[in-house]
Amino acid sequence: MNLEEIILLSDIVKLPKETLKDICINLDVPDTGSIGELAERVWNKEKEGQQQKSIVFETCKDRIFCGRTSSMWYYSTSEGIRGVKELLRQGTNDFDPFEHMRIPDRESLTSDPVLICAAEGEQEGEYLLRYTYKTGVTREVFMDSVSTHARSAVTTVRVNEEQGYI
């Protein structure tokens, strides 16, 4: 998979309104409305094909996988980081995260991260891994009943085997 193919709706919704407007303009769709409306237009248009995915990615590639939280870098002091990609492929016997995206059922999530997809990065030996995990439970009260559902999050891990950092 390439980077354009691992963009999720949750990534688009987190973009600033001005970035969403720029993407809408580049996709030739209306650029007015709330963040939710703009994100929905972008998502629907992106699903039409690879050209639209490329337009979305090129317009926001400097921030699409960043999120609003802090970043941490871990450097290897040995050759231990080389070969991680092959270990990931071996560890996911029934699917190749570099070829397919597998989004688990929300109710099956736990606090342990689950690899959903991966893509080659822009540099040699670099790739991005996307994980999802359960962050809590939301309760909704309606009249005399309560329903619950899992809250989840997506985390992106950037690996560079050549330079030795995660």
N, C-alpha and C. Protein backbone atom coordinates (compact mmCIF):
# COMPACT_ATOMS: atom_id res chain seq x y z
N MET A 1 0.85 -1.18 0.00
CA MET A 1 0.00 0.00 0.00
C MET A 1 0.90 1.24 0.00
N ASN A 2 0.38 2.31 -0.57
CA ASN A 2 1.12 3.56 -0.49
C ASN A 2 0.45 4.47 0.54
N LEU A 3 1.08 5.59 0.83
CA LEU A 3 0.60 6.46 1.90
C LEU A 3 -0.82 6.97 1.68
N GLU A 4 -1.20 7.23 0.43
CA GLU A 4 -2.55 7.71 0.14
C GLU A 4 -3.62 6.71 0.56
N GLU A 5 -3.27 5.44 0.51
CA GLU A 5 -4.25 4.38 0.76
C GLU A 5 -4.49 4.10 2.24
N ILE A 6 -3.69 4.66 3.12
CA ILE A 6 -3.89 4.39 4.55
C ILE A 6 -4.53 5.57 5.28
N ILE A 7 -5.00 6.56 4.53
CA ILE A 7 -5.72 7.68 5.14
C ILE A 7 -7.11 7.21 5.54
N LEU A 8 -7.50 7.54 6.77
CA LEU A 8 -8.81 7.16 7.29
C LEU A 8 -9.67 8.40 7.47
N LEU A 9 -10.97 8.20 7.56
CA LEU A 9 -11.88 9.32 7.81
C LEU A 9 -11.50 10.04 9.11
N SER A 10 -11.08 9.29 10.11
CA SER A 10 -10.68 9.91 11.38
C SER A 10 -9.49 10.86 11.21
N ASP A 11 -8.62 10.60 10.23
CA ASP A 11 -7.51 11.51 9.94
C ASP A 11 -8.02 12.81 9.33
N ILE A 12 -8.96 12.68 8.41
CA ILE A 12 -9.49 13.85 7.69
C ILE A 12 -10.26 14.75 8.64
N VAL A 13 -11.05 14.17 9.53
CA VAL A 13 -11.85 14.95 10.47
C VAL A 13 -10.97 15.80 11.39
N LYS A 14 -9.75 15.35 11.66
CA LYS A 14 -8.85 16.06 12.57
C LYS A 14 -8.10 17.22 11.91
N LEU A 15 -8.23 17.35 10.59
CA LEU A 15 -7.52 18.43 9.90
C LEU A 15 -8.15 19.78 10.20
N PRO A 16 -7.35 20.85 10.19
CA PRO A 16 -7.91 22.19 10.38
C PRO A 16 -8.87 22.56 9.24
N LYS A 17 -9.81 23.41 9.55
CA LYS A 17 -10.82 23.80 8.57
C LYS A 17 -10.19 24.39 7.31
N GLU A 18 -9.17 25.21 7.45
CA GLU A 18 -8.53 25.82 6.27
C GLU A 18 -7.91 24.76 5.37
N THR A 19 -7.33 23.73 5.96
CA THR A 19 -6.76 22.64 5.15
C THR A 19 -7.86 21.89 4.43
N LEU A 20 -8.97 21.64 5.13
CA LEU A 20 -10.11 20.97 4.49
C LEU A 20 -10.65 21.80 3.33
N LYS A 21 -10.70 23.11 3.51
CA LYS A 21 -11.16 23.99 2.42
C LYS A 21 -10.22 23.88 1.22
N ASP A 22 -8.91 23.88 1.47
CA ASP A 22 -7.94 23.75 0.38
C ASP A 22 -8.12 22.43 -0.36
N ILE A 23 -8.34 21.37 0.38
CA ILE A 23 -8.56 20.06 -0.25
C ILE A 23 -9.83 20.09 -1.10
N CYS A 24 -10.90 20.68 -0.56
CA CYS A 24 -12.16 20.77 -1.32
C CYS A 24 -11.96 21.54 -2.62
N ILE A 25 -11.23 22.64 -2.55
CA ILE A 25 -10.97 23.43 -3.76
C ILE A 25 -10.20 22.58 -4.78
N ASN A 26 -9.18 21.86 -4.32
CA ASN A 26 -8.38 21.02 -5.22
C ASN A 26 -9.17 19.85 -5.79
N LEU A 27 -10.21 19.42 -5.07
CA LEU A 27 -11.06 18.31 -5.55
C LEU A 27 -12.27 18.81 -6.34
N ASP A 28 -12.40 20.13 -6.48
CA ASP A 28 -13.54 20.73 -7.19
C ASP A 28 -14.88 20.40 -6.55
N VAL A 29 -14.92 20.49 -5.22
CA VAL A 29 -16.18 20.34 -4.49
C VAL A 29 -16.38 21.60 -3.65
N PRO A 30 -17.61 21.91 -3.24
CA PRO A 30 -17.85 23.13 -2.46
C PRO A 30 -16.99 23.19 -1.20
N ASP A 31 -16.48 24.39 -0.90
CA ASP A 31 -15.58 24.56 0.24
C ASP A 31 -16.23 25.35 1.38
N THR A 32 -17.55 25.30 1.46
CA THR A 32 -18.26 25.98 2.54
C THR A 32 -18.90 24.94 3.45
N GLY A 33 -19.11 25.33 4.70
CA GLY A 33 -19.77 24.45 5.66
C GLY A 33 -18.90 24.21 6.88
N SER A 34 -19.39 23.35 7.74
CA SER A 34 -18.68 23.02 8.98
C SER A 34 -17.53 22.06 8.68
N ILE A 35 -16.69 21.84 9.68
CA ILE A 35 -15.59 20.89 9.53
C ILE A 35 -16.14 19.51 9.18
N GLY A 36 -17.21 19.11 9.84
CA GLY A 36 -17.81 17.80 9.56
C GLY A 36 -18.30 17.68 8.14
N GLU A 37 -18.94 18.73 7.63
CA GLU A 37 -19.44 18.71 6.25
C GLU A 37 -18.28 18.67 5.25
N LEU A 38 -17.25 19.47 5.50
CA LEU A 38 -16.09 19.48 4.61
C LEU A 38 -15.39 18.12 4.62
N ALA A 39 -15.20 17.56 5.81
CA ALA A 39 -14.54 16.26 5.92
C ALA A 39 -15.33 15.17 5.20
N GLU A 40 -16.64 15.21 5.32
CA GLU A 40 -17.48 14.22 4.64
C GLU A 40 -17.36 14.35 3.12
N ARG A 41 -17.34 15.58 2.61
CA ARG A 41 -17.18 15.79 1.17
C ARG A 41 -15.83 15.24 0.69
N VAL A 42 -14.78 15.55 1.45
CA VAL A 42 -13.44 15.08 1.08
C VAL A 42 -13.42 13.55 1.09
N TRP A 43 -13.95 12.94 2.14
CA TRP A 43 -13.94 11.48 2.26
C TRP A 43 -14.71 10.82 1.11
N ASN A 44 -15.89 11.34 0.81
CA ASN A 44 -16.69 10.76 -0.27
C ASN A 44 -16.00 10.91 -1.62
N LYS A 45 -15.37 12.04 -1.85
CA LYS A 45 -14.66 12.27 -3.11
C LYS A 45 -13.41 11.39 -3.20
N GLU A 46 -12.70 11.25 -2.07
CA GLU A 46 -11.48 10.45 -2.05
C GLU A 46 -11.75 8.99 -2.41
N LYS A 47 -12.91 8.49 -2.02
CA LYS A 47 -13.25 7.09 -2.29
C LYS A 47 -13.50 6.82 -3.77
N GLU A 48 -13.56 7.88 -4.59
CA GLU A 48 -13.84 7.69 -6.01
C GLU A 48 -12.66 7.12 -6.79
N GLY A 49 -11.44 7.28 -6.29
CA GLY A 49 -10.33 6.72 -7.03
C GLY A 49 -8.97 7.21 -6.58
N GLN A 50 -7.95 6.64 -7.20
CA GLN A 50 -6.56 6.92 -6.82
C GLN A 50 -6.18 8.38 -7.07
N GLN A 51 -6.67 8.98 -8.15
CA GLN A 51 -6.33 10.37 -8.44
C GLN A 51 -6.82 11.29 -7.32
N GLN A 52 -8.03 11.06 -6.83
CA GLN A 52 -8.58 11.87 -5.75
C GLN A 52 -7.80 11.64 -4.45
N LYS A 53 -7.42 10.39 -4.19
CA LYS A 53 -6.61 10.09 -3.00
C LYS A 53 -5.29 10.84 -3.06
N SER A 54 -4.69 10.88 -4.24
CA SER A 54 -3.41 11.58 -4.40
C SER A 54 -3.56 13.08 -4.17
N ILE A 55 -4.66 13.65 -4.64
CA ILE A 55 -4.91 15.08 -4.43
C ILE A 55 -5.04 15.38 -2.94
N VAL A 56 -5.81 14.55 -2.24
CA VAL A 56 -5.98 14.74 -0.79
C VAL A 56 -4.62 14.66 -0.10
N PHE A 57 -3.87 13.61 -0.40
CA PHE A 57 -2.58 13.41 0.26
C PHE A 57 -1.61 14.56 -0.03
N GLU A 58 -1.49 14.95 -1.28
CA GLU A 58 -0.54 16.01 -1.64
C GLU A 58 -0.90 17.34 -0.99
N THR A 59 -2.18 17.59 -0.78
CA THR A 59 -2.61 18.85 -0.18
C THR A 59 -2.30 18.91 1.31
N CYS A 60 -2.26 17.75 1.98
CA CYS A 60 -2.10 17.77 3.44
C CYS A 60 -1.06 16.78 3.95
N LYS A 61 -0.12 16.36 3.11
CA LYS A 61 0.83 15.31 3.51
C LYS A 61 1.71 15.70 4.69
N ASP A 62 1.88 16.99 4.93
CA ASP A 62 2.71 17.42 6.04
C ASP A 62 2.00 17.32 7.39
N ARG A 63 0.70 17.02 7.39
CA ARG A 63 -0.01 16.96 8.67
C ARG A 63 -1.05 15.85 8.78
N ILE A 64 -1.30 15.10 7.73
CA ILE A 64 -2.39 14.12 7.75
C ILE A 64 -2.20 13.03 8.80
N PHE A 65 -0.98 12.59 9.06
CA PHE A 65 -0.76 11.52 10.02
C PHE A 65 -0.26 12.02 11.37
N CYS A 66 -0.27 13.34 11.57
CA CYS A 66 0.32 13.91 12.79
C CYS A 66 -0.61 13.88 13.99
N GLY A 67 -1.86 14.13 13.83
CA GLY A 67 -2.75 14.22 14.97
C GLY A 67 -2.49 15.49 15.76
N ARG A 68 -3.11 15.58 16.92
CA ARG A 68 -2.98 16.78 17.74
C ARG A 68 -2.21 16.52 19.02
N THR A 69 -1.60 15.38 19.13
CA THR A 69 -0.86 15.05 20.34
C THR A 69 0.63 15.09 20.05
N SER A 70 1.41 14.88 21.08
CA SER A 70 2.86 14.98 20.94
C SER A 70 3.44 13.79 20.19
N SER A 71 4.65 13.98 19.72
CA SER A 71 5.38 12.92 19.03
C SER A 71 6.59 12.54 19.88
N MET A 72 6.94 11.28 19.80
CA MET A 72 8.13 10.79 20.49
C MET A 72 8.97 10.02 19.48
N TRP A 73 10.28 10.14 19.61
CA TRP A 73 11.19 9.43 18.73
C TRP A 73 12.06 8.51 19.58
N TYR A 74 12.28 7.31 19.09
CA TYR A 74 13.16 6.36 19.74
C TYR A 74 14.23 5.97 18.74
N TYR A 75 15.50 6.12 19.14
CA TYR A 75 16.61 5.77 18.27
C TYR A 75 17.25 4.48 18.74
N SER A 76 17.65 3.66 17.79
CA SER A 76 18.34 2.42 18.10
C SER A 76 19.83 2.69 18.17
N THR A 77 20.48 2.12 19.15
CA THR A 77 21.93 2.28 19.28
C THR A 77 22.67 1.10 18.67
N SER A 78 21.92 0.20 18.05
CA SER A 78 22.53 -0.97 17.42
C SER A 78 21.84 -1.23 16.08
N GLU A 79 22.13 -2.35 15.51
CA GLU A 79 21.50 -2.74 14.24
C GLU A 79 20.14 -3.40 14.47
N GLY A 80 19.60 -3.33 15.67
CA GLY A 80 18.39 -4.04 16.04
C GLY A 80 17.13 -3.65 15.31
N ILE A 81 17.11 -2.51 14.64
CA ILE A 81 15.89 -2.06 13.98
C ILE A 81 15.76 -2.61 12.56
N ARG A 82 16.83 -3.06 11.97
CA ARG A 82 16.76 -3.60 10.61
C ARG A 82 15.99 -4.93 10.62
N GLY A 83 15.13 -5.09 9.62
CA GLY A 83 14.36 -6.32 9.51
C GLY A 83 13.02 -6.29 10.23
N VAL A 84 12.66 -5.16 10.80
CA VAL A 84 11.38 -5.06 11.52
C VAL A 84 10.21 -5.30 10.57
N LYS A 85 10.32 -4.80 9.36
CA LYS A 85 9.24 -4.96 8.38
C LYS A 85 8.94 -6.44 8.13
N GLU A 86 9.97 -7.23 7.96
CA GLU A 86 9.77 -8.67 7.73
C GLU A 86 9.21 -9.36 8.97
N LEU A 87 9.63 -8.92 10.15
CA LEU A 87 9.07 -9.48 11.38
C LEU A 87 7.58 -9.17 11.49
N LEU A 88 7.18 -7.98 11.08
CA LEU A 88 5.76 -7.62 11.09
C LEU A 88 4.97 -8.52 10.14
N ARG A 89 5.51 -8.75 8.97
CA ARG A 89 4.82 -9.61 8.00
C ARG A 89 4.69 -11.03 8.54
N GLN A 90 5.73 -11.52 9.19
CA GLN A 90 5.69 -12.87 9.75
C GLN A 90 4.72 -12.95 10.92
N GLY A 91 4.61 -11.86 11.68
CA GLY A 91 3.74 -11.85 12.86
C GLY A 91 2.27 -11.72 12.55
N THR A 92 1.95 -11.35 11.33
CA THR A 92 0.55 -11.25 10.90
C THR A 92 0.32 -12.30 9.81
N ASN A 93 0.27 -13.55 10.23
CA ASN A 93 0.22 -14.68 9.30
C ASN A 93 -0.91 -14.62 8.29
N ASP A 94 -2.09 -14.19 8.72
CA ASP A 94 -3.25 -14.29 7.85
C ASP A 94 -3.49 -13.06 6.97
N PHE A 95 -2.68 -11.99 7.13
CA PHE A 95 -2.79 -10.87 6.20
C PHE A 95 -1.49 -10.07 6.19
N ASP A 96 -1.23 -9.44 5.06
CA ASP A 96 -0.03 -8.62 4.91
C ASP A 96 -0.46 -7.16 5.07
N PRO A 97 -0.05 -6.49 6.17
CA PRO A 97 -0.49 -5.11 6.40
C PRO A 97 0.02 -4.13 5.35
N PHE A 98 1.04 -4.53 4.57
CA PHE A 98 1.56 -3.67 3.51
C PHE A 98 0.77 -3.83 2.22
N GLU A 99 -0.15 -4.80 2.20
CA GLU A 99 -0.97 -5.05 1.01
C GLU A 99 -2.45 -4.75 1.23
N HIS A 100 -2.92 -4.92 2.46
CA HIS A 100 -4.36 -4.78 2.75
C HIS A 100 -4.57 -4.05 4.07
N MET A 101 -5.70 -3.37 4.17
CA MET A 101 -6.10 -2.76 5.43
C MET A 101 -7.15 -3.65 6.07
N ARG A 102 -6.97 -3.92 7.35
CA ARG A 102 -7.94 -4.74 8.08
C ARG A 102 -8.40 -3.96 9.31
N ILE A 103 -9.64 -3.49 9.26
CA ILE A 103 -10.21 -2.73 10.36
C ILE A 103 -11.03 -3.70 11.21
N PRO A 104 -10.65 -3.88 12.48
CA PRO A 104 -11.37 -4.83 13.33
C PRO A 104 -12.73 -4.30 13.75
N ASP A 105 -13.58 -5.20 14.19
CA ASP A 105 -14.87 -4.83 14.74
C ASP A 105 -14.63 -4.01 16.01
N ARG A 106 -15.35 -2.93 16.16
CA ARG A 106 -15.16 -2.02 17.30
C ARG A 106 -15.28 -2.76 18.63
N GLU A 107 -16.22 -3.66 18.73
CA GLU A 107 -16.46 -4.36 20.00
C GLU A 107 -15.35 -5.35 20.35
N SER A 108 -14.54 -5.74 19.38
CA SER A 108 -13.45 -6.68 19.66
C SER A 108 -12.17 -5.98 20.12
N LEU A 109 -12.15 -4.65 20.07
CA LEU A 109 -10.95 -3.91 20.47
C LEU A 109 -10.70 -4.01 21.97
N THR A 110 -9.42 -4.03 22.32
CA THR A 110 -8.99 -3.95 23.71
C THR A 110 -7.98 -2.81 23.78
N SER A 111 -7.36 -2.63 24.93
CA SER A 111 -6.36 -1.57 25.05
C SER A 111 -5.04 -1.96 24.37
N ASP A 112 -4.91 -3.20 23.93
CA ASP A 112 -3.73 -3.63 23.19
C ASP A 112 -3.86 -3.19 21.73
N PRO A 113 -2.88 -2.44 21.22
CA PRO A 113 -2.96 -1.98 19.83
C PRO A 113 -3.01 -3.13 18.83
N VAL A 114 -3.80 -2.94 17.77
CA VAL A 114 -3.94 -3.91 16.69
C VAL A 114 -3.46 -3.25 15.40
N LEU A 115 -2.53 -3.89 14.71
CA LEU A 115 -2.03 -3.36 13.43
C LEU A 115 -3.12 -3.49 12.38
N ILE A 116 -3.49 -2.36 11.76
CA ILE A 116 -4.55 -2.40 10.75
C ILE A 116 -4.01 -2.25 9.33
N CYS A 117 -2.85 -1.57 9.17
CA CYS A 117 -2.27 -1.42 7.85
C CYS A 117 -0.88 -0.80 7.96
N ALA A 118 -0.17 -0.82 6.85
CA ALA A 118 1.16 -0.25 6.78
C ALA A 118 1.40 0.24 5.35
N ALA A 119 2.31 1.19 5.21
CA ALA A 119 2.64 1.71 3.88
C ALA A 119 4.09 2.13 3.83
N GLU A 120 4.65 2.01 2.65
CA GLU A 120 6.02 2.47 2.41
C GLU A 120 6.07 3.98 2.59
N GLY A 121 7.14 4.48 3.19
CA GLY A 121 7.32 5.91 3.37
C GLY A 121 7.94 6.57 2.16
N GLU A 122 8.33 7.80 2.32
CA GLU A 122 8.90 8.56 1.20
C GLU A 122 10.40 8.32 1.05
N GLN A 123 11.05 7.76 2.06
CA GLN A 123 12.49 7.49 2.00
C GLN A 123 12.73 5.98 1.99
N GLU A 124 13.89 5.59 1.52
CA GLU A 124 14.28 4.18 1.50
C GLU A 124 14.32 3.64 2.93
N GLY A 125 13.70 2.48 3.15
CA GLY A 125 13.71 1.85 4.47
C GLY A 125 12.76 2.47 5.47
N GLU A 126 11.87 3.34 4.99
CA GLU A 126 10.92 4.02 5.88
C GLU A 126 9.51 3.51 5.59
N TYR A 127 8.72 3.36 6.63
CA TYR A 127 7.33 2.97 6.46
C TYR A 127 6.51 3.45 7.65
N LEU A 128 5.21 3.55 7.44
CA LEU A 128 4.28 3.95 8.48
C LEU A 128 3.40 2.77 8.84
N LEU A 129 3.17 2.59 10.12
CA LEU A 129 2.29 1.55 10.64
C LEU A 129 1.10 2.22 11.29
N ARG A 130 -0.10 1.72 11.05
CA ARG A 130 -1.31 2.27 11.66
C ARG A 130 -1.88 1.23 12.61
N TYR A 131 -2.09 1.64 13.85
CA TYR A 131 -2.66 0.78 14.89
C TYR A 131 -3.95 1.39 15.41
N THR A 132 -4.86 0.54 15.85
CA THR A 132 -6.06 1.02 16.54
C THR A 132 -6.17 0.28 17.86
N TYR A 133 -6.84 0.92 18.82
CA TYR A 133 -7.00 0.34 20.14
C TYR A 133 -8.17 1.02 20.85
N LYS A 134 -8.64 0.37 21.88
CA LYS A 134 -9.76 0.88 22.68
C LYS A 134 -9.24 1.91 23.68
N THR A 135 -9.91 3.06 23.73
CA THR A 135 -9.49 4.11 24.66
C THR A 135 -10.47 4.30 25.81
N GLY A 136 -11.61 3.66 25.74
CA GLY A 136 -12.60 3.79 26.81
C GLY A 136 -13.97 3.34 26.33
N VAL A 137 -14.97 3.70 27.10
CA VAL A 137 -16.35 3.32 26.79
C VAL A 137 -17.23 4.56 26.90
N THR A 138 -18.11 4.73 25.95
CA THR A 138 -19.07 5.82 25.97
C THR A 138 -20.43 5.25 26.36
N ARG A 139 -21.09 5.94 27.28
CA ARG A 139 -22.44 5.52 27.70
C ARG A 139 -23.44 6.55 27.18
N GLU A 140 -24.51 6.04 26.63
CA GLU A 140 -25.58 6.91 26.17
C GLU A 140 -26.87 6.52 26.88
N VAL A 141 -27.44 7.51 27.56
CA VAL A 141 -28.70 7.28 28.27
C VAL A 141 -29.83 7.80 27.39
N PHE A 142 -30.82 6.95 27.19
CA PHE A 142 -32.02 7.35 26.45
C PHE A 142 -33.22 6.89 27.26
N MET A 143 -33.94 7.86 27.75
CA MET A 143 -35.13 7.62 28.57
C MET A 143 -34.79 6.73 29.77
N ASP A 144 -35.14 5.45 29.67
CA ASP A 144 -34.92 4.56 30.81
C ASP A 144 -33.93 3.44 30.51
N SER A 145 -33.06 3.67 29.52
CA SER A 145 -32.07 2.64 29.19
C SER A 145 -30.70 3.27 28.94
N VAL A 146 -29.69 2.44 29.06
CA VAL A 146 -28.31 2.87 28.84
C VAL A 146 -27.68 1.94 27.82
N SER A 147 -27.03 2.52 26.82
CA SER A 147 -26.27 1.70 25.88
C SER A 147 -24.82 2.15 25.94
N THR A 148 -23.92 1.23 25.66
CA THR A 148 -22.50 1.55 25.69
C THR A 148 -21.86 1.11 24.38
N HIS A 149 -20.78 1.79 24.03
CA HIS A 149 -19.95 1.35 22.90
C HIS A 149 -18.52 1.80 23.15
N ALA A 150 -17.61 1.08 22.55
CA ALA A 150 -16.19 1.34 22.75
C ALA A 150 -15.76 2.61 22.02
N ARG A 151 -14.91 3.40 22.68
CA ARG A 151 -14.23 4.51 22.02
C ARG A 151 -12.88 3.98 21.56
N SER A 152 -12.44 4.44 20.42
CA SER A 152 -11.17 3.94 19.89
C SER A 152 -10.32 5.10 19.39
N ALA A 153 -9.07 4.79 19.14
CA ALA A 153 -8.13 5.77 18.59
C ALA A 153 -7.24 5.06 17.59
N VAL A 154 -6.62 5.85 16.73
CA VAL A 154 -5.66 5.34 15.75
C VAL A 154 -4.33 6.02 16.03
N THR A 155 -3.27 5.24 16.05
CA THR A 155 -1.92 5.76 16.24
C THR A 155 -1.08 5.39 15.04
N THR A 156 -0.24 6.32 14.62
CA THR A 156 0.66 6.08 13.50
C THR A 156 2.08 5.98 14.02
N VAL A 157 2.77 4.94 13.61
CA VAL A 157 4.16 4.73 14.00
C VAL A 157 5.00 4.84 12.73
N ARG A 158 5.97 5.73 12.77
CA ARG A 158 6.88 5.91 11.63
C ARG A 158 8.19 5.19 11.95
N VAL A 159 8.58 4.29 11.07
CA VAL A 159 9.80 3.50 11.26
C VAL A 159 10.76 3.82 10.13
N ASN A 160 12.02 4.04 10.47
CA ASN A 160 13.06 4.22 9.47
C ASN A 160 14.20 3.27 9.82
N GLU A 161 14.25 2.16 9.11
CA GLU A 161 15.26 1.14 9.39
C GLU A 161 16.66 1.64 9.06
N GLU A 162 16.78 2.47 8.03
CA GLU A 162 18.10 2.96 7.61
C GLU A 162 18.73 3.88 8.65
N GLN A 163 17.92 4.79 9.20
CA GLN A 163 18.44 5.75 10.17
C GLN A 163 18.27 5.27 11.61
N GLY A 164 17.55 4.17 11.79
CA GLY A 164 17.44 3.55 13.11
C GLY A 164 16.51 4.23 14.09
N TYR A 165 15.38 4.77 13.61
CA TYR A 165 14.45 5.36 14.57
C TYR A 165 13.02 4.89 14.35
N ILE A 166 12.28 4.96 15.44
CA ILE A 166 10.83 4.69 15.43
C ILE A 166 10.16 5.93 15.98
